[in-house]
N, C-alpha and C. Protein backbone atom coordinates (compact mmCIF):
# COMPACT_ATOMS: atom_id res chain seq x y z
N MET A 1 -27.31 -89.44 219.70
CA MET A 1 -26.18 -88.59 219.39
C MET A 1 -26.53 -87.57 218.32
N ARG A 2 -27.27 -88.01 217.28
CA ARG A 2 -27.65 -87.09 216.22
C ARG A 2 -28.53 -85.96 216.75
N CYS A 3 -29.45 -86.30 217.59
CA CYS A 3 -30.33 -85.29 218.16
C CYS A 3 -29.52 -84.24 218.91
N HIS A 4 -28.57 -84.73 219.65
CA HIS A 4 -27.76 -83.83 220.45
C HIS A 4 -26.99 -82.84 219.56
N SER A 5 -26.38 -83.32 218.49
CA SER A 5 -25.64 -82.43 217.60
C SER A 5 -26.60 -81.50 216.84
N TRP A 6 -27.80 -81.99 216.49
CA TRP A 6 -28.77 -81.15 215.81
C TRP A 6 -29.18 -79.99 216.70
N TYR A 7 -29.43 -80.28 218.00
CA TYR A 7 -29.77 -79.22 218.96
C TYR A 7 -28.64 -78.21 219.08
N ARG A 8 -27.44 -78.72 219.14
CA ARG A 8 -26.28 -77.84 219.27
C ARG A 8 -26.19 -76.90 218.08
N ILE A 9 -26.35 -77.41 216.87
CA ILE A 9 -26.31 -76.58 215.67
C ILE A 9 -27.44 -75.55 215.70
N PHE A 10 -28.64 -76.01 216.05
CA PHE A 10 -29.79 -75.11 216.11
C PHE A 10 -29.54 -73.96 217.09
N PHE A 11 -29.05 -74.30 218.29
CA PHE A 11 -28.80 -73.26 219.29
C PHE A 11 -27.65 -72.34 218.89
N CYS A 12 -26.65 -72.87 218.21
CA CYS A 12 -25.55 -72.02 217.71
C CYS A 12 -26.07 -71.02 216.68
N ILE A 13 -26.94 -71.50 215.81
CA ILE A 13 -27.52 -70.61 214.80
C ILE A 13 -28.37 -69.53 215.47
N MET A 14 -29.18 -69.94 216.42
CA MET A 14 -30.03 -68.97 217.13
C MET A 14 -29.19 -67.97 217.90
N LYS A 15 -28.12 -68.45 218.51
CA LYS A 15 -27.23 -67.57 219.26
C LYS A 15 -26.55 -66.56 218.32
N GLU A 16 -26.14 -67.02 217.14
CA GLU A 16 -25.51 -66.15 216.16
C GLU A 16 -26.49 -65.10 215.64
N LYS A 17 -27.75 -65.49 215.41
CA LYS A 17 -28.77 -64.54 214.96
C LYS A 17 -29.05 -63.48 216.03
N LYS A 18 -29.08 -63.92 217.27
CA LYS A 18 -29.31 -62.98 218.37
C LYS A 18 -28.14 -62.01 218.49
N LEU A 19 -26.92 -62.52 218.38
CA LEU A 19 -25.71 -61.69 218.42
C LEU A 19 -25.74 -60.68 217.28
N TYR A 20 -26.09 -61.15 216.09
CA TYR A 20 -26.18 -60.29 214.91
C TYR A 20 -27.16 -59.14 215.15
N ALA A 21 -28.32 -59.48 215.67
CA ALA A 21 -29.36 -58.47 215.93
C ALA A 21 -28.90 -57.45 216.97
N GLU A 22 -28.25 -57.92 218.04
CA GLU A 22 -27.76 -57.01 219.08
C GLU A 22 -26.70 -56.06 218.55
N ILE A 23 -25.76 -56.60 217.78
CA ILE A 23 -24.69 -55.77 217.23
C ILE A 23 -25.26 -54.77 216.22
N LEU A 24 -26.21 -55.21 215.43
CA LEU A 24 -26.83 -54.32 214.46
C LEU A 24 -27.52 -53.15 215.15
N VAL A 25 -28.22 -53.41 216.24
CA VAL A 25 -28.88 -52.33 217.00
C VAL A 25 -27.83 -51.37 217.56
N LYS A 26 -26.74 -51.91 218.10
CA LYS A 26 -25.67 -51.05 218.64
C LYS A 26 -25.08 -50.16 217.55
N LEU A 27 -24.82 -50.74 216.39
CA LEU A 27 -24.20 -49.97 215.32
C LEU A 27 -25.17 -48.97 214.69
N LYS A 28 -26.44 -49.27 214.67
CA LYS A 28 -27.41 -48.29 214.19
C LYS A 28 -27.40 -47.06 215.10
N ARG A 29 -27.36 -47.31 216.40
CA ARG A 29 -27.30 -46.22 217.37
C ARG A 29 -25.99 -45.44 217.20
N TYR A 30 -24.90 -46.15 216.99
CA TYR A 30 -23.57 -45.56 216.78
C TYR A 30 -23.58 -44.65 215.55
N CYS A 31 -24.23 -45.10 214.48
CA CYS A 31 -24.29 -44.30 213.25
C CYS A 31 -25.25 -43.11 213.36
N LYS A 32 -26.30 -43.26 214.15
CA LYS A 32 -27.25 -42.16 214.31
C LYS A 32 -26.69 -41.04 215.17
N TYR A 33 -25.79 -41.38 216.09
CA TYR A 33 -25.23 -40.40 217.00
C TYR A 33 -24.47 -39.31 216.26
N GLN A 34 -23.63 -39.73 215.29
CA GLN A 34 -22.91 -38.76 214.47
C GLN A 34 -22.56 -39.43 213.16
N GLU A 35 -22.21 -38.63 212.18
CA GLU A 35 -21.89 -39.15 210.86
C GLU A 35 -20.66 -40.06 210.93
N ARG A 36 -20.73 -41.22 210.30
CA ARG A 36 -19.63 -42.20 210.32
C ARG A 36 -19.26 -42.60 208.90
N CYS A 37 -18.03 -43.10 208.76
CA CYS A 37 -17.59 -43.66 207.48
C CYS A 37 -17.40 -45.16 207.64
N LYS A 38 -17.14 -45.82 206.54
CA LYS A 38 -17.02 -47.28 206.55
C LYS A 38 -15.89 -47.75 207.47
N SER A 39 -14.76 -47.04 207.47
CA SER A 39 -13.63 -47.47 208.31
C SER A 39 -13.95 -47.31 209.80
N ASP A 40 -14.74 -46.31 210.17
CA ASP A 40 -15.16 -46.16 211.58
C ASP A 40 -15.97 -47.38 212.01
N ILE A 41 -16.86 -47.81 211.14
CA ILE A 41 -17.72 -48.95 211.45
C ILE A 41 -16.89 -50.24 211.52
N LYS A 42 -15.94 -50.38 210.59
CA LYS A 42 -15.07 -51.56 210.62
C LYS A 42 -14.26 -51.60 211.91
N ASN A 43 -13.74 -50.46 212.33
CA ASN A 43 -12.97 -50.39 213.59
C ASN A 43 -13.84 -50.78 214.78
N LYS A 44 -15.05 -50.29 214.79
CA LYS A 44 -15.98 -50.63 215.88
C LYS A 44 -16.28 -52.13 215.89
N LEU A 45 -16.48 -52.70 214.72
CA LEU A 45 -16.74 -54.14 214.63
C LEU A 45 -15.52 -54.96 215.02
N ASN A 46 -14.33 -54.48 214.70
CA ASN A 46 -13.11 -55.19 215.08
C ASN A 46 -12.95 -55.25 216.60
N LYS A 47 -13.38 -54.21 217.26
CA LYS A 47 -13.30 -54.19 218.73
C LYS A 47 -14.26 -55.21 219.35
N LEU A 48 -15.34 -55.51 218.63
CA LEU A 48 -16.34 -56.46 219.15
C LEU A 48 -15.93 -57.93 218.94
N LYS A 49 -14.88 -58.15 218.16
CA LYS A 49 -14.33 -59.49 217.94
C LYS A 49 -15.39 -60.50 217.48
N ILE A 50 -15.92 -60.25 216.30
CA ILE A 50 -16.90 -61.16 215.72
C ILE A 50 -16.36 -61.69 214.38
N THR A 51 -17.04 -62.65 213.82
CA THR A 51 -16.56 -63.28 212.59
C THR A 51 -16.66 -62.32 211.40
N GLU A 52 -15.86 -62.58 210.38
CA GLU A 52 -15.85 -61.76 209.17
C GLU A 52 -17.21 -61.81 208.46
N LYS A 53 -17.84 -62.96 208.49
CA LYS A 53 -19.14 -63.13 207.85
C LYS A 53 -20.17 -62.16 208.45
N ILE A 54 -20.20 -62.10 209.77
CA ILE A 54 -21.14 -61.19 210.45
C ILE A 54 -20.77 -59.74 210.17
N LYS A 55 -19.47 -59.43 210.22
CA LYS A 55 -19.01 -58.06 209.94
C LYS A 55 -19.48 -57.60 208.56
N ASP A 56 -19.22 -58.43 207.57
CA ASP A 56 -19.59 -58.05 206.20
C ASP A 56 -21.10 -57.87 206.03
N SER A 57 -21.86 -58.77 206.62
CA SER A 57 -23.32 -58.65 206.47
C SER A 57 -23.85 -57.41 207.21
N ILE A 58 -23.28 -57.08 208.36
CA ILE A 58 -23.71 -55.88 209.08
C ILE A 58 -23.35 -54.63 208.29
N ILE A 59 -22.14 -54.57 207.76
CA ILE A 59 -21.71 -53.41 206.96
C ILE A 59 -22.61 -53.26 205.73
N ASN A 60 -22.91 -54.37 205.07
CA ASN A 60 -23.79 -54.31 203.89
C ASN A 60 -25.18 -53.80 204.25
N GLU A 61 -25.72 -54.31 205.34
CA GLU A 61 -27.07 -53.89 205.74
C GLU A 61 -27.10 -52.41 206.12
N LEU A 62 -26.11 -51.95 206.87
CA LEU A 62 -26.06 -50.54 207.26
C LEU A 62 -25.89 -49.64 206.03
N SER A 63 -25.09 -50.08 205.09
CA SER A 63 -24.87 -49.31 203.87
C SER A 63 -26.14 -49.24 203.03
N GLU A 64 -26.83 -50.35 202.89
CA GLU A 64 -28.07 -50.38 202.11
C GLU A 64 -29.14 -49.48 202.71
N LYS A 65 -29.19 -49.46 204.03
CA LYS A 65 -30.21 -48.64 204.71
C LYS A 65 -29.74 -47.21 204.94
N ASN A 66 -28.59 -46.87 204.35
CA ASN A 66 -28.06 -45.50 204.35
C ASN A 66 -27.71 -44.98 205.75
N TYR A 67 -27.26 -45.86 206.63
CA TYR A 67 -26.83 -45.42 207.96
C TYR A 67 -25.47 -44.75 207.89
N PHE A 68 -24.68 -45.07 206.89
CA PHE A 68 -23.41 -44.38 206.69
C PHE A 68 -23.19 -44.19 205.20
N ASP A 69 -22.45 -43.14 204.89
CA ASP A 69 -22.11 -42.84 203.50
C ASP A 69 -20.80 -42.06 203.52
N ASN A 70 -19.81 -42.53 202.79
CA ASN A 70 -18.50 -41.89 202.82
C ASN A 70 -18.54 -40.46 202.27
N LYS A 71 -19.38 -40.20 201.27
CA LYS A 71 -19.49 -38.84 200.73
C LYS A 71 -20.07 -37.89 201.78
N ARG A 72 -21.15 -38.32 202.37
CA ARG A 72 -21.81 -37.50 203.38
C ARG A 72 -20.87 -37.26 204.56
N PHE A 73 -20.18 -38.33 204.98
CA PHE A 73 -19.22 -38.22 206.08
C PHE A 73 -18.10 -37.23 205.74
N SER A 74 -17.54 -37.36 204.54
CA SER A 74 -16.41 -36.51 204.13
C SER A 74 -16.80 -35.04 204.14
N TYR A 75 -17.98 -34.74 203.63
CA TYR A 75 -18.43 -33.35 203.60
C TYR A 75 -18.59 -32.81 205.03
N GLU A 76 -19.27 -33.56 205.88
CA GLU A 76 -19.47 -33.13 207.27
C GLU A 76 -18.15 -33.00 208.01
N TYR A 77 -17.26 -33.94 207.79
CA TYR A 77 -15.94 -33.94 208.44
C TYR A 77 -15.14 -32.71 208.02
N ALA A 78 -15.10 -32.45 206.71
CA ALA A 78 -14.32 -31.32 206.20
C ALA A 78 -14.85 -29.99 206.74
N ILE A 79 -16.14 -29.80 206.66
CA ILE A 79 -16.74 -28.55 207.15
C ILE A 79 -16.56 -28.42 208.66
N GLY A 80 -16.78 -29.51 209.38
CA GLY A 80 -16.67 -29.48 210.84
C GLY A 80 -15.26 -29.18 211.31
N LYS A 81 -14.28 -29.84 210.74
CA LYS A 81 -12.88 -29.61 211.15
C LYS A 81 -12.42 -28.21 210.75
N PHE A 82 -12.91 -27.73 209.62
CA PHE A 82 -12.55 -26.36 209.21
C PHE A 82 -13.17 -25.33 210.15
N ARG A 83 -14.46 -25.45 210.40
CA ARG A 83 -15.14 -24.43 211.21
C ARG A 83 -14.82 -24.52 212.70
N ASN A 84 -14.77 -25.73 213.24
CA ASN A 84 -14.59 -25.89 214.68
C ASN A 84 -13.13 -25.92 215.11
N ASN A 85 -12.28 -26.61 214.35
CA ASN A 85 -10.88 -26.77 214.74
C ASN A 85 -9.94 -25.85 213.99
N LYS A 86 -10.48 -25.12 213.01
CA LYS A 86 -9.69 -24.20 212.18
C LYS A 86 -8.55 -24.91 211.46
N TRP A 87 -8.86 -26.11 210.94
CA TRP A 87 -7.87 -26.85 210.18
C TRP A 87 -7.85 -26.36 208.74
N GLY A 88 -6.67 -26.46 208.11
CA GLY A 88 -6.53 -26.18 206.69
C GLY A 88 -6.84 -27.42 205.88
N LYS A 89 -6.86 -27.25 204.57
CA LYS A 89 -7.25 -28.34 203.67
C LYS A 89 -6.25 -29.49 203.68
N ILE A 90 -4.99 -29.20 203.91
CA ILE A 90 -3.97 -30.27 203.91
C ILE A 90 -4.22 -31.24 205.05
N LYS A 91 -4.48 -30.75 206.23
CA LYS A 91 -4.71 -31.61 207.38
C LYS A 91 -6.03 -32.38 207.24
N ILE A 92 -7.04 -31.72 206.71
CA ILE A 92 -8.32 -32.39 206.49
C ILE A 92 -8.15 -33.53 205.48
N ARG A 93 -7.44 -33.25 204.39
CA ARG A 93 -7.19 -34.27 203.36
C ARG A 93 -6.44 -35.46 203.96
N TYR A 94 -5.41 -35.17 204.73
CA TYR A 94 -4.60 -36.22 205.34
C TYR A 94 -5.44 -37.12 206.26
N ASN A 95 -6.27 -36.51 207.08
CA ASN A 95 -7.08 -37.29 208.02
C ASN A 95 -8.19 -38.08 207.31
N LEU A 96 -8.69 -37.56 206.22
CA LEU A 96 -9.67 -38.33 205.45
C LEU A 96 -9.00 -39.52 204.74
N LYS A 97 -7.76 -39.33 204.30
CA LYS A 97 -7.02 -40.44 203.69
C LYS A 97 -6.78 -41.55 204.71
N ILE A 98 -6.50 -41.17 205.95
CA ILE A 98 -6.30 -42.16 207.01
C ILE A 98 -7.58 -42.99 207.20
N LYS A 99 -8.73 -42.36 207.00
CA LYS A 99 -10.00 -43.07 207.15
C LYS A 99 -10.39 -43.83 205.88
N LEU A 100 -9.43 -43.94 204.94
CA LEU A 100 -9.59 -44.72 203.71
C LEU A 100 -10.72 -44.23 202.81
N ILE A 101 -10.86 -42.91 202.74
CA ILE A 101 -11.84 -42.30 201.85
C ILE A 101 -11.16 -42.12 200.48
N GLU A 102 -11.92 -42.33 199.41
CA GLU A 102 -11.39 -42.21 198.06
C GLU A 102 -10.99 -40.77 197.75
N LYS A 103 -9.96 -40.62 196.91
CA LYS A 103 -9.43 -39.30 196.56
C LYS A 103 -10.49 -38.40 195.93
N SER A 104 -11.31 -38.95 195.05
CA SER A 104 -12.34 -38.14 194.38
C SER A 104 -13.36 -37.60 195.38
N ILE A 105 -13.70 -38.40 196.37
CA ILE A 105 -14.66 -37.97 197.40
C ILE A 105 -14.03 -36.88 198.27
N ILE A 106 -12.75 -37.04 198.59
CA ILE A 106 -12.03 -36.04 199.39
C ILE A 106 -12.00 -34.71 198.64
N ASP A 107 -11.64 -34.75 197.35
CA ASP A 107 -11.57 -33.53 196.54
C ASP A 107 -12.93 -32.83 196.49
N GLU A 108 -13.97 -33.61 196.32
CA GLU A 108 -15.33 -33.06 196.27
C GLU A 108 -15.70 -32.38 197.60
N ALA A 109 -15.35 -33.03 198.71
CA ALA A 109 -15.66 -32.48 200.03
C ALA A 109 -14.90 -31.18 200.28
N LEU A 110 -13.63 -31.13 199.87
CA LEU A 110 -12.83 -29.92 200.09
C LEU A 110 -13.31 -28.76 199.23
N LYS A 111 -13.87 -29.06 198.07
CA LYS A 111 -14.41 -28.00 197.20
C LYS A 111 -15.62 -27.33 197.83
N LYS A 112 -16.30 -28.03 198.73
CA LYS A 112 -17.50 -27.48 199.36
C LYS A 112 -17.20 -26.50 200.49
N ILE A 113 -15.93 -26.38 200.86
CA ILE A 113 -15.55 -25.36 201.85
C ILE A 113 -15.55 -24.02 201.13
N PRO A 114 -16.35 -23.06 201.59
CA PRO A 114 -16.42 -21.76 200.91
C PRO A 114 -15.06 -21.05 200.89
N THR A 115 -14.65 -20.62 199.70
CA THR A 115 -13.32 -20.01 199.51
C THR A 115 -13.16 -18.74 200.33
N ASP A 116 -14.18 -17.90 200.36
CA ASP A 116 -14.06 -16.65 201.11
C ASP A 116 -13.96 -16.90 202.61
N ASP A 117 -14.71 -17.87 203.12
CA ASP A 117 -14.59 -18.25 204.53
C ASP A 117 -13.20 -18.80 204.82
N TYR A 118 -12.71 -19.60 203.89
CA TYR A 118 -11.40 -20.24 204.07
C TYR A 118 -10.30 -19.18 204.18
N THR A 119 -10.29 -18.22 203.26
CA THR A 119 -9.24 -17.19 203.29
C THR A 119 -9.40 -16.25 204.48
N SER A 120 -10.63 -15.90 204.82
CA SER A 120 -10.81 -15.01 205.97
C SER A 120 -10.42 -15.70 207.28
N THR A 121 -10.73 -16.98 207.40
CA THR A 121 -10.32 -17.73 208.59
C THR A 121 -8.81 -17.82 208.66
N PHE A 122 -8.20 -18.10 207.51
CA PHE A 122 -6.73 -18.15 207.49
C PHE A 122 -6.14 -16.81 207.92
N ASN A 123 -6.67 -15.72 207.39
CA ASN A 123 -6.12 -14.40 207.72
C ASN A 123 -6.28 -14.09 209.21
N LYS A 124 -7.41 -14.46 209.80
CA LYS A 124 -7.59 -14.24 211.24
C LYS A 124 -6.57 -15.02 212.05
N ILE A 125 -6.41 -16.29 211.70
CA ILE A 125 -5.45 -17.14 212.42
C ILE A 125 -4.02 -16.63 212.22
N ALA A 126 -3.70 -16.29 210.98
CA ALA A 126 -2.35 -15.82 210.67
C ALA A 126 -2.04 -14.51 211.41
N ASN A 127 -2.97 -13.58 211.42
CA ASN A 127 -2.75 -12.32 212.15
C ASN A 127 -2.55 -12.57 213.64
N LYS A 128 -3.36 -13.45 214.19
CA LYS A 128 -3.26 -13.77 215.61
C LYS A 128 -1.90 -14.41 215.92
N GLU A 129 -1.49 -15.38 215.11
CA GLU A 129 -0.22 -16.06 215.33
C GLU A 129 0.96 -15.11 215.14
N TRP A 130 0.91 -14.28 214.12
CA TRP A 130 2.01 -13.36 213.84
C TRP A 130 2.15 -12.33 214.95
N SER A 131 1.04 -11.79 215.42
CA SER A 131 1.12 -10.78 216.48
C SER A 131 1.50 -11.39 217.84
N SER A 132 1.16 -12.66 218.05
CA SER A 132 1.50 -13.28 219.34
C SER A 132 3.00 -13.58 219.44
N ARG A 133 3.70 -13.54 218.33
CA ARG A 133 5.14 -13.83 218.33
C ARG A 133 5.97 -12.55 218.13
N SER A 134 5.41 -11.42 218.45
CA SER A 134 6.08 -10.14 218.17
C SER A 134 7.36 -9.92 218.98
N LYS A 135 7.53 -10.60 220.09
CA LYS A 135 8.72 -10.40 220.92
C LYS A 135 9.95 -11.16 220.42
N LEU A 136 9.75 -12.06 219.48
CA LEU A 136 10.86 -12.87 218.96
C LEU A 136 11.59 -12.13 217.85
N ASP A 137 12.83 -12.55 217.60
CA ASP A 137 13.53 -11.96 216.45
C ASP A 137 12.88 -12.49 215.16
N LEU A 138 13.13 -11.82 214.06
CA LEU A 138 12.41 -12.08 212.82
C LEU A 138 12.52 -13.53 212.33
N ASN A 139 13.73 -14.10 212.35
CA ASN A 139 13.90 -15.47 211.83
C ASN A 139 13.15 -16.51 212.66
N SER A 140 13.28 -16.45 213.96
CA SER A 140 12.57 -17.43 214.80
C SER A 140 11.07 -17.18 214.76
N ARG A 141 10.67 -15.94 214.60
CA ARG A 141 9.25 -15.60 214.49
C ARG A 141 8.65 -16.24 213.23
N LYS A 142 9.38 -16.10 212.11
CA LYS A 142 8.92 -16.70 210.85
C LYS A 142 8.88 -18.22 210.96
N ARG A 143 9.92 -18.82 211.51
CA ARG A 143 10.03 -20.26 211.63
C ARG A 143 8.85 -20.84 212.42
N ARG A 144 8.60 -20.24 213.57
CA ARG A 144 7.49 -20.72 214.42
C ARG A 144 6.14 -20.48 213.75
N PHE A 145 6.04 -19.34 213.07
CA PHE A 145 4.81 -19.01 212.36
C PHE A 145 4.52 -20.06 211.29
N TYR A 146 5.53 -20.36 210.46
CA TYR A 146 5.38 -21.39 209.42
C TYR A 146 4.99 -22.73 210.04
N LYS A 147 5.73 -23.11 211.07
CA LYS A 147 5.52 -24.43 211.69
C LYS A 147 4.11 -24.56 212.26
N THR A 148 3.67 -23.53 212.96
CA THR A 148 2.35 -23.56 213.58
C THR A 148 1.25 -23.70 212.53
N LEU A 149 1.32 -22.87 211.49
CA LEU A 149 0.26 -22.90 210.48
C LEU A 149 0.32 -24.16 209.62
N GLN A 150 1.51 -24.66 209.37
CA GLN A 150 1.59 -25.90 208.60
C GLN A 150 1.11 -27.09 209.42
N ASN A 151 1.33 -27.09 210.72
CA ASN A 151 0.81 -28.16 211.58
C ASN A 151 -0.71 -28.16 211.59
N ARG A 152 -1.31 -27.02 211.39
CA ARG A 152 -2.77 -26.94 211.33
C ARG A 152 -3.31 -27.22 209.93
N GLY A 153 -2.40 -27.48 208.99
CA GLY A 153 -2.82 -27.90 207.66
C GLY A 153 -3.05 -26.78 206.66
N TRP A 154 -2.50 -25.61 206.91
CA TRP A 154 -2.67 -24.52 205.97
C TRP A 154 -1.59 -24.59 204.90
N GLU A 155 -1.93 -24.18 203.69
CA GLU A 155 -1.05 -24.30 202.54
C GLU A 155 0.14 -23.34 202.63
N PHE A 156 1.26 -23.82 202.12
CA PHE A 156 2.50 -23.05 202.12
C PHE A 156 2.34 -21.74 201.35
N ASP A 157 1.61 -21.78 200.23
CA ASP A 157 1.40 -20.57 199.41
C ASP A 157 0.65 -19.50 200.19
N LEU A 158 -0.37 -19.89 200.94
CA LEU A 158 -1.12 -18.92 201.75
C LEU A 158 -0.21 -18.28 202.81
N ILE A 159 0.59 -19.11 203.44
CA ILE A 159 1.49 -18.61 204.49
C ILE A 159 2.51 -17.64 203.89
N ASN A 160 3.09 -18.02 202.75
CA ASN A 160 4.06 -17.14 202.09
C ASN A 160 3.44 -15.83 201.65
N ASP A 161 2.25 -15.87 201.07
CA ASP A 161 1.56 -14.65 200.64
C ASP A 161 1.30 -13.73 201.83
N PHE A 162 0.88 -14.33 202.94
CA PHE A 162 0.63 -13.52 204.14
C PHE A 162 1.91 -12.82 204.59
N LEU A 163 3.01 -13.55 204.65
CA LEU A 163 4.28 -12.95 205.08
C LEU A 163 4.75 -11.88 204.10
N PHE A 164 4.55 -12.10 202.81
CA PHE A 164 4.93 -11.12 201.80
C PHE A 164 4.13 -9.83 201.99
N LYS A 165 2.82 -9.96 202.21
CA LYS A 165 1.97 -8.79 202.43
C LYS A 165 2.31 -8.09 203.73
N THR A 166 2.67 -8.86 204.75
CA THR A 166 3.04 -8.28 206.04
C THR A 166 4.32 -7.46 205.91
N ARG A 167 5.29 -7.99 205.17
CA ARG A 167 6.55 -7.24 204.95
C ARG A 167 6.31 -5.98 204.16
N LYS A 168 5.41 -6.03 203.15
CA LYS A 168 5.09 -4.85 202.35
C LYS A 168 4.49 -3.75 203.21
N ARG A 169 3.62 -4.13 204.13
CA ARG A 169 2.95 -3.15 205.00
C ARG A 169 3.95 -2.45 205.93
N LYS A 170 4.97 -3.19 206.36
CA LYS A 170 5.95 -2.61 207.29
C LYS A 170 6.86 -1.61 206.62
N PHE A 171 7.17 -1.84 205.33
CA PHE A 171 8.15 -0.95 204.68
C PHE A 171 7.50 0.12 203.88
């Protein structure tokens, strides 16, 4: 009986080590494909339904070997969403908070967005949105304009300044 239980324990340990190695290889590939943060990796591990002990050891190993870094992820995320999706800083900040990134890291990442690029992108989007709503009456045009730009995460002050300058040009 003792031999039988000893074999069972041995094979369980071997099976767990094999599972650990397989999952580690999968997650290394997952991290190499694109920049990831700690919460992305935790979500991926939760889908695999493994023990907390294995999850923690995999996260620690990936972190030590620099497969993921929240600072690096935040910077890439902020720049990517700004350049590709034309998101404003508010929406980027909100989505990084959802991914459980620290406030100081978020602030640092948002500071790396070039100010001149940010304002010129905003002006292009704002001009496009304002001119596309030219057939509407002024109040509904403003309302939709505000709503559209705020949904994309652009600051209220930028939107107001744009409208103020637009009104000045007309009169």
